[in-house]
Amino acid sequence: DKKKFSSFVTECDSNFFERLIFKP
């Protein structure tokens, strides 16, 4: 469902990748 799927898409900048692998 194109409209619903769009809400699952994330724009990926450098912070996105750093945040993903950062271990609290």
PDBML (XML) file of the C-alpha atoms, coordinates in Angstrom:
<?xml version="1.0" encoding="UTF-8" ?>
<PDBx:datablock datablockName="MODEL"
   xmlns:PDBx="http://pdbml.pdb.org/schema/pdbx-v50.xsd"
   xmlns:xsi="http://www.w3.org/2001/XMLSchema-instance"
   xsi:schemaLocation="http://pdbml.pdb.org/schema/pdbx-v50.xsd pdbx-v50.xsd">
   <PDBx:atom_siteCategory>
      <PDBx:atom_site id="1">
         <PDBx:B_iso_or_equiv>0.00</PDBx:B_iso_or_equiv>
         <PDBx:Cartn_x>0.000</PDBx:Cartn_x>
         <PDBx:Cartn_y>0.000</PDBx:Cartn_y>
         <PDBx:Cartn_z>0.000</PDBx:Cartn_z>
         <PDBx:auth_asym_id>A</PDBx:auth_asym_id>
         <PDBx:auth_atom_id>CA</PDBx:auth_atom_id>
         <PDBx:auth_comp_id>ASP</PDBx:auth_comp_id>
         <PDBx:auth_seq_id>1</PDBx:auth_seq_id>
         <PDBx:group_PDB>ATOM</PDBx:group_PDB>
         <PDBx:label_alt_id xsi:nil="true" />
         <PDBx:label_asym_id>A</PDBx:label_asym_id>
         <PDBx:label_atom_id>CA</PDBx:label_atom_id>
         <PDBx:label_comp_id>ASP</PDBx:label_comp_id>
         <PDBx:label_entity_id>1</PDBx:label_entity_id>
         <PDBx:label_seq_id>1</PDBx:label_seq_id>
         <PDBx:occupancy>1.00</PDBx:occupancy>
         <PDBx:pdbx_PDB_model_num>1</PDBx:pdbx_PDB_model_num>
         <PDBx:type_symbol>C</PDBx:type_symbol>
      </PDBx:atom_site>
      <PDBx:atom_site id="2">
         <PDBx:B_iso_or_equiv>0.00</PDBx:B_iso_or_equiv>
         <PDBx:Cartn_x>1.947</PDBx:Cartn_x>
         <PDBx:Cartn_y>2.989</PDBx:Cartn_y>
         <PDBx:Cartn_z>-1.276</PDBx:Cartn_z>
         <PDBx:auth_asym_id>A</PDBx:auth_asym_id>
         <PDBx:auth_atom_id>CA</PDBx:auth_atom_id>
         <PDBx:auth_comp_id>LYS</PDBx:auth_comp_id>
         <PDBx:auth_seq_id>2</PDBx:auth_seq_id>
         <PDBx:group_PDB>ATOM</PDBx:group_PDB>
         <PDBx:label_alt_id xsi:nil="true" />
         <PDBx:label_asym_id>A</PDBx:label_asym_id>
         <PDBx:label_atom_id>CA</PDBx:label_atom_id>
         <PDBx:label_comp_id>LYS</PDBx:label_comp_id>
         <PDBx:label_entity_id>1</PDBx:label_entity_id>
         <PDBx:label_seq_id>2</PDBx:label_seq_id>
         <PDBx:occupancy>1.00</PDBx:occupancy>
         <PDBx:pdbx_PDB_model_num>1</PDBx:pdbx_PDB_model_num>
         <PDBx:type_symbol>C</PDBx:type_symbol>
      </PDBx:atom_site>
      <PDBx:atom_site id="3">
         <PDBx:B_iso_or_equiv>0.00</PDBx:B_iso_or_equiv>
         <PDBx:Cartn_x>0.571</PDBx:Cartn_x>
         <PDBx:Cartn_y>5.479</PDBx:Cartn_y>
         <PDBx:Cartn_z>1.221</PDBx:Cartn_z>
         <PDBx:auth_asym_id>A</PDBx:auth_asym_id>
         <PDBx:auth_atom_id>CA</PDBx:auth_atom_id>
         <PDBx:auth_comp_id>LYS</PDBx:auth_comp_id>
         <PDBx:auth_seq_id>3</PDBx:auth_seq_id>
         <PDBx:group_PDB>ATOM</PDBx:group_PDB>
         <PDBx:label_alt_id xsi:nil="true" />
         <PDBx:label_asym_id>A</PDBx:label_asym_id>
         <PDBx:label_atom_id>CA</PDBx:label_atom_id>
         <PDBx:label_comp_id>LYS</PDBx:label_comp_id>
         <PDBx:label_entity_id>1</PDBx:label_entity_id>
         <PDBx:label_seq_id>3</PDBx:label_seq_id>
         <PDBx:occupancy>1.00</PDBx:occupancy>
         <PDBx:pdbx_PDB_model_num>1</PDBx:pdbx_PDB_model_num>
         <PDBx:type_symbol>C</PDBx:type_symbol>
      </PDBx:atom_site>
      <PDBx:atom_site id="4">
         <PDBx:B_iso_or_equiv>0.00</PDBx:B_iso_or_equiv>
         <PDBx:Cartn_x>1.011</PDBx:Cartn_x>
         <PDBx:Cartn_y>3.211</PDBx:Cartn_y>
         <PDBx:Cartn_z>4.223</PDBx:Cartn_z>
         <PDBx:auth_asym_id>A</PDBx:auth_asym_id>
         <PDBx:auth_atom_id>CA</PDBx:auth_atom_id>
         <PDBx:auth_comp_id>LYS</PDBx:auth_comp_id>
         <PDBx:auth_seq_id>4</PDBx:auth_seq_id>
         <PDBx:group_PDB>ATOM</PDBx:group_PDB>
         <PDBx:label_alt_id xsi:nil="true" />
         <PDBx:label_asym_id>A</PDBx:label_asym_id>
         <PDBx:label_atom_id>CA</PDBx:label_atom_id>
         <PDBx:label_comp_id>LYS</PDBx:label_comp_id>
         <PDBx:label_entity_id>1</PDBx:label_entity_id>
         <PDBx:label_seq_id>4</PDBx:label_seq_id>
         <PDBx:occupancy>1.00</PDBx:occupancy>
         <PDBx:pdbx_PDB_model_num>1</PDBx:pdbx_PDB_model_num>
         <PDBx:type_symbol>C</PDBx:type_symbol>
      </PDBx:atom_site>
      <PDBx:atom_site id="5">
         <PDBx:B_iso_or_equiv>0.00</PDBx:B_iso_or_equiv>
         <PDBx:Cartn_x>4.452</PDBx:Cartn_x>
         <PDBx:Cartn_y>2.081</PDBx:Cartn_y>
         <PDBx:Cartn_z>3.143</PDBx:Cartn_z>
         <PDBx:auth_asym_id>A</PDBx:auth_asym_id>
         <PDBx:auth_atom_id>CA</PDBx:auth_atom_id>
         <PDBx:auth_comp_id>PHE</PDBx:auth_comp_id>
         <PDBx:auth_seq_id>5</PDBx:auth_seq_id>
         <PDBx:group_PDB>ATOM</PDBx:group_PDB>
         <PDBx:label_alt_id xsi:nil="true" />
         <PDBx:label_asym_id>A</PDBx:label_asym_id>
         <PDBx:label_atom_id>CA</PDBx:label_atom_id>
         <PDBx:label_comp_id>PHE</PDBx:label_comp_id>
         <PDBx:label_entity_id>1</PDBx:label_entity_id>
         <PDBx:label_seq_id>5</PDBx:label_seq_id>
         <PDBx:occupancy>1.00</PDBx:occupancy>
         <PDBx:pdbx_PDB_model_num>1</PDBx:pdbx_PDB_model_num>
         <PDBx:type_symbol>C</PDBx:type_symbol>
      </PDBx:atom_site>
      <PDBx:atom_site id="6">
         <PDBx:B_iso_or_equiv>0.00</PDBx:B_iso_or_equiv>
         <PDBx:Cartn_x>5.676</PDBx:Cartn_x>
         <PDBx:Cartn_y>5.674</PDBx:Cartn_y>
         <PDBx:Cartn_z>2.827</PDBx:Cartn_z>
         <PDBx:auth_asym_id>A</PDBx:auth_asym_id>
         <PDBx:auth_atom_id>CA</PDBx:auth_atom_id>
         <PDBx:auth_comp_id>SER</PDBx:auth_comp_id>
         <PDBx:auth_seq_id>6</PDBx:auth_seq_id>
         <PDBx:group_PDB>ATOM</PDBx:group_PDB>
         <PDBx:label_alt_id xsi:nil="true" />
         <PDBx:label_asym_id>A</PDBx:label_asym_id>
         <PDBx:label_atom_id>CA</PDBx:label_atom_id>
         <PDBx:label_comp_id>SER</PDBx:label_comp_id>
         <PDBx:label_entity_id>1</PDBx:label_entity_id>
         <PDBx:label_seq_id>6</PDBx:label_seq_id>
         <PDBx:occupancy>1.00</PDBx:occupancy>
         <PDBx:pdbx_PDB_model_num>1</PDBx:pdbx_PDB_model_num>
         <PDBx:type_symbol>C</PDBx:type_symbol>
      </PDBx:atom_site>
      <PDBx:atom_site id="7">
         <PDBx:B_iso_or_equiv>0.00</PDBx:B_iso_or_equiv>
         <PDBx:Cartn_x>5.354</PDBx:Cartn_x>
         <PDBx:Cartn_y>6.058</PDBx:Cartn_y>
         <PDBx:Cartn_z>6.609</PDBx:Cartn_z>
         <PDBx:auth_asym_id>A</PDBx:auth_asym_id>
         <PDBx:auth_atom_id>CA</PDBx:auth_atom_id>
         <PDBx:auth_comp_id>SER</PDBx:auth_comp_id>
         <PDBx:auth_seq_id>7</PDBx:auth_seq_id>
         <PDBx:group_PDB>ATOM</PDBx:group_PDB>
         <PDBx:label_alt_id xsi:nil="true" />
         <PDBx:label_asym_id>A</PDBx:label_asym_id>
         <PDBx:label_atom_id>CA</PDBx:label_atom_id>
         <PDBx:label_comp_id>SER</PDBx:label_comp_id>
         <PDBx:label_entity_id>1</PDBx:label_entity_id>
         <PDBx:label_seq_id>7</PDBx:label_seq_id>
         <PDBx:occupancy>1.00</PDBx:occupancy>
         <PDBx:pdbx_PDB_model_num>1</PDBx:pdbx_PDB_model_num>
         <PDBx:type_symbol>C</PDBx:type_symbol>
      </PDBx:atom_site>
      <PDBx:atom_site id="8">
         <PDBx:B_iso_or_equiv>0.00</PDBx:B_iso_or_equiv>
         <PDBx:Cartn_x>7.931</PDBx:Cartn_x>
         <PDBx:Cartn_y>3.267</PDBx:Cartn_y>
         <PDBx:Cartn_z>7.065</PDBx:Cartn_z>
         <PDBx:auth_asym_id>A</PDBx:auth_asym_id>
         <PDBx:auth_atom_id>CA</PDBx:auth_atom_id>
         <PDBx:auth_comp_id>PHE</PDBx:auth_comp_id>
         <PDBx:auth_seq_id>8</PDBx:auth_seq_id>
         <PDBx:group_PDB>ATOM</PDBx:group_PDB>
         <PDBx:label_alt_id xsi:nil="true" />
         <PDBx:label_asym_id>A</PDBx:label_asym_id>
         <PDBx:label_atom_id>CA</PDBx:label_atom_id>
         <PDBx:label_comp_id>PHE</PDBx:label_comp_id>
         <PDBx:label_entity_id>1</PDBx:label_entity_id>
         <PDBx:label_seq_id>8</PDBx:label_seq_id>
         <PDBx:occupancy>1.00</PDBx:occupancy>
         <PDBx:pdbx_PDB_model_num>1</PDBx:pdbx_PDB_model_num>
         <PDBx:type_symbol>C</PDBx:type_symbol>
      </PDBx:atom_site>
      <PDBx:atom_site id="9">
         <PDBx:B_iso_or_equiv>0.00</PDBx:B_iso_or_equiv>
         <PDBx:Cartn_x>10.555</PDBx:Cartn_x>
         <PDBx:Cartn_y>4.927</PDBx:Cartn_y>
         <PDBx:Cartn_z>4.854</PDBx:Cartn_z>
         <PDBx:auth_asym_id>A</PDBx:auth_asym_id>
         <PDBx:auth_atom_id>CA</PDBx:auth_atom_id>
         <PDBx:auth_comp_id>VAL</PDBx:auth_comp_id>
         <PDBx:auth_seq_id>9</PDBx:auth_seq_id>
         <PDBx:group_PDB>ATOM</PDBx:group_PDB>
         <PDBx:label_alt_id xsi:nil="true" />
         <PDBx:label_asym_id>A</PDBx:label_asym_id>
         <PDBx:label_atom_id>CA</PDBx:label_atom_id>
         <PDBx:label_comp_id>VAL</PDBx:label_comp_id>
         <PDBx:label_entity_id>1</PDBx:label_entity_id>
         <PDBx:label_seq_id>9</PDBx:label_seq_id>
         <PDBx:occupancy>1.00</PDBx:occupancy>
         <PDBx:pdbx_PDB_model_num>1</PDBx:pdbx_PDB_model_num>
         <PDBx:type_symbol>C</PDBx:type_symbol>
      </PDBx:atom_site>
      <PDBx:atom_site id="10">
         <PDBx:B_iso_or_equiv>0.00</PDBx:B_iso_or_equiv>
         <PDBx:Cartn_x>13.359</PDBx:Cartn_x>
         <PDBx:Cartn_y>6.788</PDBx:Cartn_y>
         <PDBx:Cartn_z>6.614</PDBx:Cartn_z>
         <PDBx:auth_asym_id>A</PDBx:auth_asym_id>
         <PDBx:auth_atom_id>CA</PDBx:auth_atom_id>
         <PDBx:auth_comp_id>THR</PDBx:auth_comp_id>
         <PDBx:auth_seq_id>10</PDBx:auth_seq_id>
         <PDBx:group_PDB>ATOM</PDBx:group_PDB>
         <PDBx:label_alt_id xsi:nil="true" />
         <PDBx:label_asym_id>A</PDBx:label_asym_id>
         <PDBx:label_atom_id>CA</PDBx:label_atom_id>
         <PDBx:label_comp_id>THR</PDBx:label_comp_id>
         <PDBx:label_entity_id>1</PDBx:label_entity_id>
         <PDBx:label_seq_id>10</PDBx:label_seq_id>
         <PDBx:occupancy>1.00</PDBx:occupancy>
         <PDBx:pdbx_PDB_model_num>1</PDBx:pdbx_PDB_model_num>
         <PDBx:type_symbol>C</PDBx:type_symbol>
      </PDBx:atom_site>
      <PDBx:atom_site id="11">
         <PDBx:B_iso_or_equiv>0.00</PDBx:B_iso_or_equiv>
         <PDBx:Cartn_x>15.677</PDBx:Cartn_x>
         <PDBx:Cartn_y>9.360</PDBx:Cartn_y>
         <PDBx:Cartn_z>5.090</PDBx:Cartn_z>
         <PDBx:auth_asym_id>A</PDBx:auth_asym_id>
         <PDBx:auth_atom_id>CA</PDBx:auth_atom_id>
         <PDBx:auth_comp_id>GLU</PDBx:auth_comp_id>
         <PDBx:auth_seq_id>11</PDBx:auth_seq_id>
         <PDBx:group_PDB>ATOM</PDBx:group_PDB>
         <PDBx:label_alt_id xsi:nil="true" />
         <PDBx:label_asym_id>A</PDBx:label_asym_id>
         <PDBx:label_atom_id>CA</PDBx:label_atom_id>
         <PDBx:label_comp_id>GLU</PDBx:label_comp_id>
         <PDBx:label_entity_id>1</PDBx:label_entity_id>
         <PDBx:label_seq_id>11</PDBx:label_seq_id>
         <PDBx:occupancy>1.00</PDBx:occupancy>
         <PDBx:pdbx_PDB_model_num>1</PDBx:pdbx_PDB_model_num>
         <PDBx:type_symbol>C</PDBx:type_symbol>
      </PDBx:atom_site>
      <PDBx:atom_site id="12">
         <PDBx:B_iso_or_equiv>0.00</PDBx:B_iso_or_equiv>
         <PDBx:Cartn_x>19.257</PDBx:Cartn_x>
         <PDBx:Cartn_y>8.243</PDBx:Cartn_y>
         <PDBx:Cartn_z>5.718</PDBx:Cartn_z>
         <PDBx:auth_asym_id>A</PDBx:auth_asym_id>
         <PDBx:auth_atom_id>CA</PDBx:auth_atom_id>
         <PDBx:auth_comp_id>CYS</PDBx:auth_comp_id>
         <PDBx:auth_seq_id>12</PDBx:auth_seq_id>
         <PDBx:group_PDB>ATOM</PDBx:group_PDB>
         <PDBx:label_alt_id xsi:nil="true" />
         <PDBx:label_asym_id>A</PDBx:label_asym_id>
         <PDBx:label_atom_id>CA</PDBx:label_atom_id>
         <PDBx:label_comp_id>CYS</PDBx:label_comp_id>
         <PDBx:label_entity_id>1</PDBx:label_entity_id>
         <PDBx:label_seq_id>12</PDBx:label_seq_id>
         <PDBx:occupancy>1.00</PDBx:occupancy>
         <PDBx:pdbx_PDB_model_num>1</PDBx:pdbx_PDB_model_num>
         <PDBx:type_symbol>C</PDBx:type_symbol>
      </PDBx:atom_site>
      <PDBx:atom_site id="13">
         <PDBx:B_iso_or_equiv>0.00</PDBx:B_iso_or_equiv>
         <PDBx:Cartn_x>21.904</PDBx:Cartn_x>
         <PDBx:Cartn_y>10.800</PDBx:Cartn_y>
         <PDBx:Cartn_z>6.571</PDBx:Cartn_z>
         <PDBx:auth_asym_id>A</PDBx:auth_asym_id>
         <PDBx:auth_atom_id>CA</PDBx:auth_atom_id>
         <PDBx:auth_comp_id>ASP</PDBx:auth_comp_id>
         <PDBx:auth_seq_id>13</PDBx:auth_seq_id>
         <PDBx:group_PDB>ATOM</PDBx:group_PDB>
         <PDBx:label_alt_id xsi:nil="true" />
         <PDBx:label_asym_id>A</PDBx:label_asym_id>
         <PDBx:label_atom_id>CA</PDBx:label_atom_id>
         <PDBx:label_comp_id>ASP</PDBx:label_comp_id>
         <PDBx:label_entity_id>1</PDBx:label_entity_id>
         <PDBx:label_seq_id>13</PDBx:label_seq_id>
         <PDBx:occupancy>1.00</PDBx:occupancy>
         <PDBx:pdbx_PDB_model_num>1</PDBx:pdbx_PDB_model_num>
         <PDBx:type_symbol>C</PDBx:type_symbol>
      </PDBx:atom_site>
      <PDBx:atom_site id="14">
         <PDBx:B_iso_or_equiv>0.00</PDBx:B_iso_or_equiv>
         <PDBx:Cartn_x>25.146</PDBx:Cartn_x>
         <PDBx:Cartn_y>10.081</PDBx:Cartn_y>
         <PDBx:Cartn_z>8.431</PDBx:Cartn_z>
         <PDBx:auth_asym_id>A</PDBx:auth_asym_id>
         <PDBx:auth_atom_id>CA</PDBx:auth_atom_id>
         <PDBx:auth_comp_id>SER</PDBx:auth_comp_id>
         <PDBx:auth_seq_id>14</PDBx:auth_seq_id>
         <PDBx:group_PDB>ATOM</PDBx:group_PDB>
         <PDBx:label_alt_id xsi:nil="true" />
         <PDBx:label_asym_id>A</PDBx:label_asym_id>
         <PDBx:label_atom_id>CA</PDBx:label_atom_id>
         <PDBx:label_comp_id>SER</PDBx:label_comp_id>
         <PDBx:label_entity_id>1</PDBx:label_entity_id>
         <PDBx:label_seq_id>14</PDBx:label_seq_id>
         <PDBx:occupancy>1.00</PDBx:occupancy>
         <PDBx:pdbx_PDB_model_num>1</PDBx:pdbx_PDB_model_num>
         <PDBx:type_symbol>C</PDBx:type_symbol>
      </PDBx:atom_site>
      <PDBx:atom_site id="15">
         <PDBx:B_iso_or_equiv>0.00</PDBx:B_iso_or_equiv>
         <PDBx:Cartn_x>23.366</PDBx:Cartn_x>
         <PDBx:Cartn_y>10.472</PDBx:Cartn_y>
         <PDBx:Cartn_z>11.787</PDBx:Cartn_z>
         <PDBx:auth_asym_id>A</PDBx:auth_asym_id>
         <PDBx:auth_atom_id>CA</PDBx:auth_atom_id>
         <PDBx:auth_comp_id>ASN</PDBx:auth_comp_id>
         <PDBx:auth_seq_id>15</PDBx:auth_seq_id>
         <PDBx:group_PDB>ATOM</PDBx:group_PDB>
         <PDBx:label_alt_id xsi:nil="true" />
         <PDBx:label_asym_id>A</PDBx:label_asym_id>
         <PDBx:label_atom_id>CA</PDBx:label_atom_id>
         <PDBx:label_comp_id>ASN</PDBx:label_comp_id>
         <PDBx:label_entity_id>1</PDBx:label_entity_id>
         <PDBx:label_seq_id>15</PDBx:label_seq_id>
         <PDBx:occupancy>1.00</PDBx:occupancy>
         <PDBx:pdbx_PDB_model_num>1</PDBx:pdbx_PDB_model_num>
         <PDBx:type_symbol>C</PDBx:type_symbol>
      </PDBx:atom_site>
      <PDBx:atom_site id="16">
         <PDBx:B_iso_or_equiv>0.00</PDBx:B_iso_or_equiv>
         <PDBx:Cartn_x>20.929</PDBx:Cartn_x>
         <PDBx:Cartn_y>7.716</PDBx:Cartn_y>
         <PDBx:Cartn_z>10.850</PDBx:Cartn_z>
         <PDBx:auth_asym_id>A</PDBx:auth_asym_id>
         <PDBx:auth_atom_id>CA</PDBx:auth_atom_id>
         <PDBx:auth_comp_id>PHE</PDBx:auth_comp_id>
         <PDBx:auth_seq_id>16</PDBx:auth_seq_id>
         <PDBx:group_PDB>ATOM</PDBx:group_PDB>
         <PDBx:label_alt_id xsi:nil="true" />
         <PDBx:label_asym_id>A</PDBx:label_asym_id>
         <PDBx:label_atom_id>CA</PDBx:label_atom_id>
         <PDBx:label_comp_id>PHE</PDBx:label_comp_id>
         <PDBx:label_entity_id>1</PDBx:label_entity_id>
         <PDBx:label_seq_id>16</PDBx:label_seq_id>
         <PDBx:occupancy>1.00</PDBx:occupancy>
         <PDBx:pdbx_PDB_model_num>1</PDBx:pdbx_PDB_model_num>
         <PDBx:type_symbol>C</PDBx:type_symbol>
      </PDBx:atom_site>
      <PDBx:atom_site id="17">
         <PDBx:B_iso_or_equiv>0.00</PDBx:B_iso_or_equiv>
         <PDBx:Cartn_x>23.728</PDBx:Cartn_x>
         <PDBx:Cartn_y>5.155</PDBx:Cartn_y>
         <PDBx:Cartn_z>10.515</PDBx:Cartn_z>
         <PDBx:auth_asym_id>A</PDBx:auth_asym_id>
         <PDBx:auth_atom_id>CA</PDBx:auth_atom_id>
         <PDBx:auth_comp_id>PHE</PDBx:auth_comp_id>
         <PDBx:auth_seq_id>17</PDBx:auth_seq_id>
         <PDBx:group_PDB>ATOM</PDBx:group_PDB>
         <PDBx:label_alt_id xsi:nil="true" />
         <PDBx:label_asym_id>A</PDBx:label_asym_id>
         <PDBx:label_atom_id>CA</PDBx:label_atom_id>
         <PDBx:label_comp_id>PHE</PDBx:label_comp_id>
         <PDBx:label_entity_id>1</PDBx:label_entity_id>
         <PDBx:label_seq_id>17</PDBx:label_seq_id>
         <PDBx:occupancy>1.00</PDBx:occupancy>
         <PDBx:pdbx_PDB_model_num>1</PDBx:pdbx_PDB_model_num>
         <PDBx:type_symbol>C</PDBx:type_symbol>
      </PDBx:atom_site>
      <PDBx:atom_site id="18">
         <PDBx:B_iso_or_equiv>0.00</PDBx:B_iso_or_equiv>
         <PDBx:Cartn_x>25.636</PDBx:Cartn_x>
         <PDBx:Cartn_y>6.328</PDBx:Cartn_y>
         <PDBx:Cartn_z>13.585</PDBx:Cartn_z>
         <PDBx:auth_asym_id>A</PDBx:auth_asym_id>
         <PDBx:auth_atom_id>CA</PDBx:auth_atom_id>
         <PDBx:auth_comp_id>GLU</PDBx:auth_comp_id>
         <PDBx:auth_seq_id>18</PDBx:auth_seq_id>
         <PDBx:group_PDB>ATOM</PDBx:group_PDB>
         <PDBx:label_alt_id xsi:nil="true" />
         <PDBx:label_asym_id>A</PDBx:label_asym_id>
         <PDBx:label_atom_id>CA</PDBx:label_atom_id>
         <PDBx:label_comp_id>GLU</PDBx:label_comp_id>
         <PDBx:label_entity_id>1</PDBx:label_entity_id>
         <PDBx:label_seq_id>18</PDBx:label_seq_id>
         <PDBx:occupancy>1.00</PDBx:occupancy>
         <PDBx:pdbx_PDB_model_num>1</PDBx:pdbx_PDB_model_num>
         <PDBx:type_symbol>C</PDBx:type_symbol>
      </PDBx:atom_site>
      <PDBx:atom_site id="19">
         <PDBx:B_iso_or_equiv>0.00</PDBx:B_iso_or_equiv>
         <PDBx:Cartn_x>22.468</PDBx:Cartn_x>
         <PDBx:Cartn_y>6.216</PDBx:Cartn_y>
         <PDBx:Cartn_z>15.685</PDBx:Cartn_z>
         <PDBx:auth_asym_id>A</PDBx:auth_asym_id>
         <PDBx:auth_atom_id>CA</PDBx:auth_atom_id>
         <PDBx:auth_comp_id>ARG</PDBx:auth_comp_id>
         <PDBx:auth_seq_id>19</PDBx:auth_seq_id>
         <PDBx:group_PDB>ATOM</PDBx:group_PDB>
         <PDBx:label_alt_id xsi:nil="true" />
         <PDBx:label_asym_id>A</PDBx:label_asym_id>
         <PDBx:label_atom_id>CA</PDBx:label_atom_id>
         <PDBx:label_comp_id>ARG</PDBx:label_comp_id>
         <PDBx:label_entity_id>1</PDBx:label_entity_id>
         <PDBx:label_seq_id>19</PDBx:label_seq_id>
         <PDBx:occupancy>1.00</PDBx:occupancy>
         <PDBx:pdbx_PDB_model_num>1</PDBx:pdbx_PDB_model_num>
         <PDBx:type_symbol>C</PDBx:type_symbol>
      </PDBx:atom_site>
      <PDBx:atom_site id="20">
         <PDBx:B_iso_or_equiv>0.00</PDBx:B_iso_or_equiv>
         <PDBx:Cartn_x>21.606</PDBx:Cartn_x>
         <PDBx:Cartn_y>2.727</PDBx:Cartn_y>
         <PDBx:Cartn_z>14.472</PDBx:Cartn_z>
         <PDBx:auth_asym_id>A</PDBx:auth_asym_id>
         <PDBx:auth_atom_id>CA</PDBx:auth_atom_id>
         <PDBx:auth_comp_id>LEU</PDBx:auth_comp_id>
         <PDBx:auth_seq_id>20</PDBx:auth_seq_id>
         <PDBx:group_PDB>ATOM</PDBx:group_PDB>
         <PDBx:label_alt_id xsi:nil="true" />
         <PDBx:label_asym_id>A</PDBx:label_asym_id>
         <PDBx:label_atom_id>CA</PDBx:label_atom_id>
         <PDBx:label_comp_id>LEU</PDBx:label_comp_id>
         <PDBx:label_entity_id>1</PDBx:label_entity_id>
         <PDBx:label_seq_id>20</PDBx:label_seq_id>
         <PDBx:occupancy>1.00</PDBx:occupancy>
         <PDBx:pdbx_PDB_model_num>1</PDBx:pdbx_PDB_model_num>
         <PDBx:type_symbol>C</PDBx:type_symbol>
      </PDBx:atom_site>
      <PDBx:atom_site id="21">
         <PDBx:B_iso_or_equiv>0.00</PDBx:B_iso_or_equiv>
         <PDBx:Cartn_x>24.905</PDBx:Cartn_x>
         <PDBx:Cartn_y>1.152</PDBx:Cartn_y>
         <PDBx:Cartn_z>15.523</PDBx:Cartn_z>
         <PDBx:auth_asym_id>A</PDBx:auth_asym_id>
         <PDBx:auth_atom_id>CA</PDBx:auth_atom_id>
         <PDBx:auth_comp_id>ILE</PDBx:auth_comp_id>
         <PDBx:auth_seq_id>21</PDBx:auth_seq_id>
         <PDBx:group_PDB>ATOM</PDBx:group_PDB>
         <PDBx:label_alt_id xsi:nil="true" />
         <PDBx:label_asym_id>A</PDBx:label_asym_id>
         <PDBx:label_atom_id>CA</PDBx:label_atom_id>
         <PDBx:label_comp_id>ILE</PDBx:label_comp_id>
         <PDBx:label_entity_id>1</PDBx:label_entity_id>
         <PDBx:label_seq_id>21</PDBx:label_seq_id>
         <PDBx:occupancy>1.00</PDBx:occupancy>
         <PDBx:pdbx_PDB_model_num>1</PDBx:pdbx_PDB_model_num>
         <PDBx:type_symbol>C</PDBx:type_symbol>
      </PDBx:atom_site>
      <PDBx:atom_site id="22">
         <PDBx:B_iso_or_equiv>0.00</PDBx:B_iso_or_equiv>
         <PDBx:Cartn_x>25.365</PDBx:Cartn_x>
         <PDBx:Cartn_y>3.184</PDBx:Cartn_y>
         <PDBx:Cartn_z>18.713</PDBx:Cartn_z>
         <PDBx:auth_asym_id>A</PDBx:auth_asym_id>
         <PDBx:auth_atom_id>CA</PDBx:auth_atom_id>
         <PDBx:auth_comp_id>PHE</PDBx:auth_comp_id>
         <PDBx:auth_seq_id>22</PDBx:auth_seq_id>
         <PDBx:group_PDB>ATOM</PDBx:group_PDB>
         <PDBx:label_alt_id xsi:nil="true" />
         <PDBx:label_asym_id>A</PDBx:label_asym_id>
         <PDBx:label_atom_id>CA</PDBx:label_atom_id>
         <PDBx:label_comp_id>PHE</PDBx:label_comp_id>
         <PDBx:label_entity_id>1</PDBx:label_entity_id>
         <PDBx:label_seq_id>22</PDBx:label_seq_id>
         <PDBx:occupancy>1.00</PDBx:occupancy>
         <PDBx:pdbx_PDB_model_num>1</PDBx:pdbx_PDB_model_num>
         <PDBx:type_symbol>C</PDBx:type_symbol>
      </PDBx:atom_site>
      <PDBx:atom_site id="23">
         <PDBx:B_iso_or_equiv>0.00</PDBx:B_iso_or_equiv>
         <PDBx:Cartn_x>25.007</PDBx:Cartn_x>
         <PDBx:Cartn_y>0.925</PDBx:Cartn_y>
         <PDBx:Cartn_z>21.743</PDBx:Cartn_z>
         <PDBx:auth_asym_id>A</PDBx:auth_asym_id>
         <PDBx:auth_atom_id>CA</PDBx:auth_atom_id>
         <PDBx:auth_comp_id>LYS</PDBx:auth_comp_id>
         <PDBx:auth_seq_id>23</PDBx:auth_seq_id>
         <PDBx:group_PDB>ATOM</PDBx:group_PDB>
         <PDBx:label_alt_id xsi:nil="true" />
         <PDBx:label_asym_id>A</PDBx:label_asym_id>
         <PDBx:label_atom_id>CA</PDBx:label_atom_id>
         <PDBx:label_comp_id>LYS</PDBx:label_comp_id>
         <PDBx:label_entity_id>1</PDBx:label_entity_id>
         <PDBx:label_seq_id>23</PDBx:label_seq_id>
         <PDBx:occupancy>1.00</PDBx:occupancy>
         <PDBx:pdbx_PDB_model_num>1</PDBx:pdbx_PDB_model_num>
         <PDBx:type_symbol>C</PDBx:type_symbol>
      </PDBx:atom_site>
      <PDBx:atom_site id="24">
         <PDBx:B_iso_or_equiv>0.00</PDBx:B_iso_or_equiv>
         <PDBx:Cartn_x>23.579</PDBx:Cartn_x>
         <PDBx:Cartn_y>2.730</PDBx:Cartn_y>
         <PDBx:Cartn_z>24.779</PDBx:Cartn_z>
         <PDBx:auth_asym_id>A</PDBx:auth_asym_id>
         <PDBx:auth_atom_id>CA</PDBx:auth_atom_id>
         <PDBx:auth_comp_id>PRO</PDBx:auth_comp_id>
         <PDBx:auth_seq_id>24</PDBx:auth_seq_id>
         <PDBx:group_PDB>ATOM</PDBx:group_PDB>
         <PDBx:label_alt_id xsi:nil="true" />
         <PDBx:label_asym_id>A</PDBx:label_asym_id>
         <PDBx:label_atom_id>CA</PDBx:label_atom_id>
         <PDBx:label_comp_id>PRO</PDBx:label_comp_id>
         <PDBx:label_entity_id>1</PDBx:label_entity_id>
         <PDBx:label_seq_id>24</PDBx:label_seq_id>
         <PDBx:occupancy>1.00</PDBx:occupancy>
         <PDBx:pdbx_PDB_model_num>1</PDBx:pdbx_PDB_model_num>
         <PDBx:type_symbol>C</PDBx:type_symbol>
      </PDBx:atom_site>
   </PDBx:atom_siteCategory>
</PDBx:datablock>
